[in-house]
Amino acid sequence: MNAPMIRRSIALLAAVSVLAAAAGTGRPLGAKKDAGSLALVFKTVLDVTKRAPANDEWLKATRGEPLASGDQVKTGDRSLAVVKFLDNSILRVRAQSLLTVSGEGLRGAQVRTIELNAGAFGFEVKKQKVDEQFRLTSPTSVASIRGTRGKWGRGANDTLVVTEGLVNLRNNVSNRDLDVPAGYVGISGPDGSLSSRKGTKEELDDAEAAASGGQNELNLQLKDAKGNKKELRLRYNK
């Protein structure tokens, strides 16, 4: 084989390798992977907007849209947003809420911080690896989570309701902290106060619904062979 033929063969093999690599990723040739994504907008209901750190304009958030460090998500009246992270941890953002998603470090040793500026969200955080951290914050408080469920809300005080697992809650003003176990409510105030108490049934039910998305119930009327009516209730997550 002469030199020109050898050069053409090498070029052809290189082109085939590039095409095979692109096909193996499932992306079009030339497409770029969004390596900076921390999470994505998994679901939106009614008025949900997003703003990047370098942009003053709020834009409509769409399902499947990636969220990078510093991105903000805002929900309007009677609206809902579901944010899903790469490890399948989920936030269910309630109406009239504003939060900022941030991340530092590499995947597997990453610190993810969700700052709540207004409103509330339910959280279902998967068990974190040894070098990972998942923190819920506000200007007043920090809740450090290793893997648990509950609700984080901001009003006159920050309120943490834990329905599963254990969360360490710290007040940034007084630098005091305490552990909030399942079934309890932690309250952190801008005056430096920090306390916990047993949650009421209403508080715990509301937090569980916020974390899981709640349940729908479907009632079916059935008849047996003798014509007797029977009711069948099916419950399923939203």
Protein backbone atom coordinates (compact mmCIF):
# COMPACT_ATOMS: atom_id res chain seq x y z
CA MET A 1 0.00 0.00 0.00
CA ASN A 2 1.47 3.40 -1.01
CA ALA A 3 1.73 6.46 1.28
CA PRO A 4 -1.40 8.35 -0.01
CA MET A 5 -3.56 5.24 0.47
CA ILE A 6 -2.21 4.80 4.03
CA ARG A 7 -3.03 8.44 4.89
CA ARG A 8 -6.58 8.07 3.52
CA SER A 9 -7.10 4.88 5.54
CA ILE A 10 -5.95 6.56 8.76
CA ALA A 11 -8.29 9.52 8.15
CA LEU A 12 -11.22 7.18 7.48
CA LEU A 13 -10.57 5.21 10.67
CA ALA A 14 -10.43 8.46 12.70
CA ALA A 15 -13.75 9.63 11.27
CA VAL A 16 -15.40 6.29 12.06
CA SER A 17 -14.08 6.48 15.64
CA VAL A 18 -15.55 9.97 16.15
CA LEU A 19 -18.95 8.90 14.80
CA ALA A 20 -18.97 5.79 17.00
CA ALA A 21 -18.16 7.85 20.08
CA ALA A 22 -20.98 10.26 19.33
CA ALA A 23 -23.43 7.41 18.81
CA GLY A 24 -22.39 5.80 22.08
CA THR A 25 -23.25 8.96 24.06
CA GLY A 26 -26.68 9.25 22.51
CA ARG A 27 -25.94 12.88 21.54
CA PRO A 28 -25.72 14.39 18.06
CA LEU A 29 -22.24 14.90 16.69
CA GLY A 30 -20.91 18.21 17.99
CA ALA A 31 -23.39 18.39 20.90
CA LYS A 32 -21.93 19.53 24.20
CA LYS A 33 -22.71 17.85 27.51
CA ASP A 34 -23.81 20.32 30.21
CA ALA A 35 -21.14 19.35 32.74
CA GLY A 36 -22.10 22.21 35.09
CA SER A 37 -25.65 21.03 35.77
CA LEU A 38 -26.57 20.33 39.39
CA ALA A 39 -30.22 19.50 38.84
CA LEU A 40 -33.08 19.93 36.42
CA VAL A 41 -36.59 21.30 36.45
CA PHE A 42 -38.55 18.05 36.58
CA LYS A 43 -42.06 19.49 36.65
CA THR A 44 -43.82 22.87 36.49
CA VAL A 45 -47.40 23.87 37.25
CA LEU A 46 -48.64 27.33 36.20
CA ASP A 47 -46.23 30.21 36.97
CA VAL A 48 -42.66 28.93 37.38
CA THR A 49 -39.69 31.10 36.33
CA LYS A 50 -35.92 30.80 36.40
CA ARG A 51 -33.07 33.31 36.51
CA ALA A 52 -29.34 32.76 35.95
CA PRO A 53 -26.77 34.70 38.05
CA ALA A 54 -25.71 36.92 35.13
CA ASN A 55 -29.26 37.66 34.00
CA ASP A 56 -31.67 40.18 35.56
CA GLU A 57 -34.63 38.81 33.62
CA TRP A 58 -36.90 36.04 34.90
CA LEU A 59 -37.67 33.52 32.15
CA LYS A 60 -40.32 30.82 32.03
CA ALA A 61 -38.91 27.52 33.31
CA THR A 62 -39.55 24.47 31.15
CA ARG A 63 -39.56 20.79 32.02
CA GLY A 64 -36.15 19.17 31.63
CA GLU A 65 -34.29 22.48 31.80
CA PRO A 66 -30.92 22.16 33.61
CA LEU A 67 -30.08 24.17 36.72
CA ALA A 68 -26.49 25.28 37.25
CA SER A 69 -24.85 26.73 40.35
CA GLY A 70 -26.35 30.11 41.21
CA ASP A 71 -29.61 29.63 39.31
CA GLN A 72 -32.80 30.78 41.00
CA VAL A 73 -36.29 29.28 40.77
CA LYS A 74 -39.45 31.20 41.63
CA THR A 75 -43.08 30.04 41.83
CA GLY A 76 -46.14 32.25 41.57
CA ASP A 77 -49.58 32.05 43.14
CA ARG A 78 -51.09 28.49 43.11
CA SER A 79 -47.96 27.24 41.31
CA LEU A 80 -45.57 24.34 41.85
CA ALA A 81 -42.09 23.31 40.73
CA VAL A 82 -40.30 19.99 41.19
CA VAL A 83 -36.48 20.11 41.13
CA LYS A 84 -34.60 16.84 40.71
CA PHE A 85 -30.88 16.41 41.42
CA LEU A 86 -28.42 14.02 39.78
CA ASP A 87 -28.61 11.63 42.76
CA ASN A 88 -32.45 11.60 42.49
CA SER A 89 -32.95 13.86 45.51
CA ILE A 90 -36.10 15.93 44.99
CA LEU A 91 -37.41 19.33 46.08
CA ARG A 92 -41.12 20.12 45.67
CA VAL A 93 -41.34 23.89 45.67
CA ARG A 94 -44.62 25.33 46.88
CA ALA A 95 -46.44 28.45 45.67
CA GLN A 96 -44.91 31.91 46.14
CA SER A 97 -41.43 30.59 46.88
CA LEU A 98 -37.95 31.68 45.85
CA LEU A 99 -34.80 29.58 46.11
CA THR A 100 -31.23 29.50 44.84
CA VAL A 101 -29.38 26.29 43.90
CA SER A 102 -25.59 26.22 44.40
CA GLY A 103 -22.88 23.58 44.25
CA GLU A 104 -19.17 23.29 44.95
CA GLY A 105 -16.73 20.48 44.25
CA LEU A 106 -16.84 17.47 41.98
CA ARG A 107 -19.57 14.85 41.81
CA GLY A 108 -19.02 12.32 44.58
CA ALA A 109 -17.52 15.00 46.85
CA GLN A 110 -19.94 17.83 46.27
CA VAL A 111 -21.52 20.37 48.60
CA ARG A 112 -25.02 21.27 47.38
CA THR A 113 -26.73 24.27 48.97
CA ILE A 114 -30.35 25.31 48.49
CA GLU A 115 -31.01 28.76 49.90
CA LEU A 116 -34.65 29.56 50.58
CA ASN A 117 -35.43 33.28 50.45
CA ALA A 118 -39.21 32.99 50.63
CA GLY A 119 -41.94 30.35 50.84
CA ALA A 120 -41.42 26.65 51.46
CA PHE A 121 -40.53 23.34 49.83
CA GLY A 122 -40.76 19.66 50.64
CA PHE A 123 -37.54 17.68 50.36
CA GLU A 124 -36.68 14.04 49.81
CA VAL A 125 -32.89 13.82 49.99
CA LYS A 126 -31.17 10.55 49.18
CA LYS A 127 -28.48 9.23 51.53
CA GLN A 128 -25.31 11.22 50.89
CA LYS A 129 -21.85 9.74 50.42
CA VAL A 130 -19.15 10.31 53.02
CA ASP A 131 -17.64 13.31 51.21
CA GLU A 132 -20.96 14.82 50.08
CA GLN A 133 -23.11 17.43 51.80
CA PHE A 134 -26.67 18.60 51.17
CA ARG A 135 -27.60 21.82 52.97
CA LEU A 136 -30.82 23.80 53.22
CA THR A 137 -30.10 27.40 54.14
CA SER A 138 -31.58 30.85 54.66
CA PRO A 139 -30.03 34.14 55.79
CA THR A 140 -30.75 32.89 59.34
CA SER A 141 -30.17 29.13 59.39
CA VAL A 142 -28.43 26.05 58.00
CA ALA A 143 -29.96 22.56 57.99
CA SER A 144 -27.41 19.83 57.23
CA ILE A 145 -28.92 16.70 55.69
CA ARG A 146 -27.45 13.25 55.12
CA GLY A 147 -30.61 11.61 53.78
CA THR A 148 -34.11 12.38 54.98
CA ARG A 149 -37.56 13.78 54.23
CA GLY A 150 -39.52 16.77 55.45
CA LYS A 151 -40.35 20.41 54.82
CA TRP A 152 -38.30 23.62 54.99
CA GLY A 153 -40.16 26.92 55.31
CA ARG A 154 -39.32 30.57 55.76
CA GLY A 155 -41.49 33.21 57.43
CA ALA A 156 -41.00 35.24 60.60
CA ASN A 157 -38.88 32.22 61.68
CA ASP A 158 -37.31 29.36 59.73
CA THR A 159 -39.25 26.14 60.27
CA LEU A 160 -37.92 22.64 59.69
CA VAL A 161 -40.34 19.70 59.90
CA VAL A 162 -38.67 16.27 59.76
CA THR A 163 -40.76 13.23 58.83
CA GLU A 164 -37.90 10.76 58.30
CA GLY A 165 -34.27 10.69 59.41
CA LEU A 166 -32.30 13.23 61.45
CA VAL A 167 -31.31 16.82 60.55
CA ASN A 168 -28.81 19.12 62.27
CA LEU A 169 -30.18 22.69 62.43
CA ARG A 170 -27.90 25.65 63.18
CA ASN A 171 -28.78 29.29 63.81
CA ASN A 172 -26.28 31.60 62.09
CA VAL A 173 -26.90 34.48 64.52
CA SER A 174 -26.23 32.65 67.78
CA ASN A 175 -24.15 29.83 66.23
CA ARG A 176 -26.20 27.36 68.28
CA ASP A 177 -27.25 24.02 66.79
CA LEU A 178 -29.43 21.06 67.64
CA ASP A 179 -30.52 17.76 66.07
CA VAL A 180 -34.12 17.51 64.89
CA PRO A 181 -35.34 13.88 64.67
CA ALA A 182 -38.31 12.48 62.76
CA GLY A 183 -41.63 13.66 64.12
CA TYR A 184 -40.22 16.96 65.40
CA VAL A 185 -40.21 20.60 64.32
CA GLY A 186 -37.12 22.83 64.55
CA ILE A 187 -37.62 26.60 64.80
CA SER A 188 -34.79 29.08 64.16
CA GLY A 189 -35.31 32.83 64.62
CA PRO A 190 -33.52 35.97 63.38
CA ASP A 191 -32.96 36.93 67.04
CA GLY A 192 -30.70 33.89 67.47
CA SER A 193 -33.33 31.70 69.12
CA LEU A 194 -33.34 27.98 68.39
CA SER A 195 -35.73 25.32 69.66
CA SER A 196 -37.50 22.09 68.76
CA ARG A 197 -40.77 20.45 69.74
CA LYS A 198 -42.88 17.49 68.77
CA GLY A 199 -44.84 18.15 65.59
CA THR A 200 -48.62 18.08 65.48
CA LYS A 201 -50.41 15.58 63.26
CA GLU A 202 -51.39 18.41 60.91
CA GLU A 203 -47.79 19.65 60.64
CA LEU A 204 -46.38 16.19 60.01
CA ASP A 205 -49.08 15.28 57.48
CA ASP A 206 -48.49 18.55 55.62
CA ALA A 207 -44.72 18.01 55.60
CA GLU A 208 -45.09 14.44 54.34
CA ALA A 209 -47.41 15.61 51.57
CA ALA A 210 -44.90 18.33 50.65
CA ALA A 211 -42.03 15.81 50.56
CA SER A 212 -43.82 13.05 48.66
CA GLY A 213 -46.07 15.17 46.47
CA GLY A 214 -49.16 13.93 48.33
CA GLN A 215 -51.52 11.25 47.21
CA ASN A 216 -54.54 11.09 44.95
CA GLU A 217 -57.36 8.70 45.75
CA LEU A 218 -59.47 6.97 43.11
CA ASN A 219 -62.77 5.41 44.22
CA LEU A 220 -64.28 2.66 42.05
CA GLN A 221 -67.73 1.17 42.41
CA LEU A 222 -67.69 -2.57 41.59
CA LYS A 223 -70.32 -5.30 41.58
CA ASP A 224 -69.75 -8.93 42.44
CA ALA A 225 -71.42 -11.92 40.75
CA LYS A 226 -74.51 -11.48 42.94
CA GLY A 227 -74.89 -7.81 42.09
CA ASN A 228 -73.66 -6.55 45.46
CA LYS A 229 -71.83 -3.21 45.28
CA LYS A 230 -68.30 -2.92 46.58
CA GLU A 231 -66.03 0.12 46.77
CA LEU A 232 -62.39 -0.11 45.76
CA ARG A 233 -60.04 2.71 46.81
CA LEU A 234 -56.75 3.15 44.96
CA ARG A 235 -54.15 5.58 46.28
CA TYR A 236 -51.28 6.82 44.14
CA ASN A 237 -48.67 9.54 44.34
CA LYS A 238 -49.06 12.73 42.34
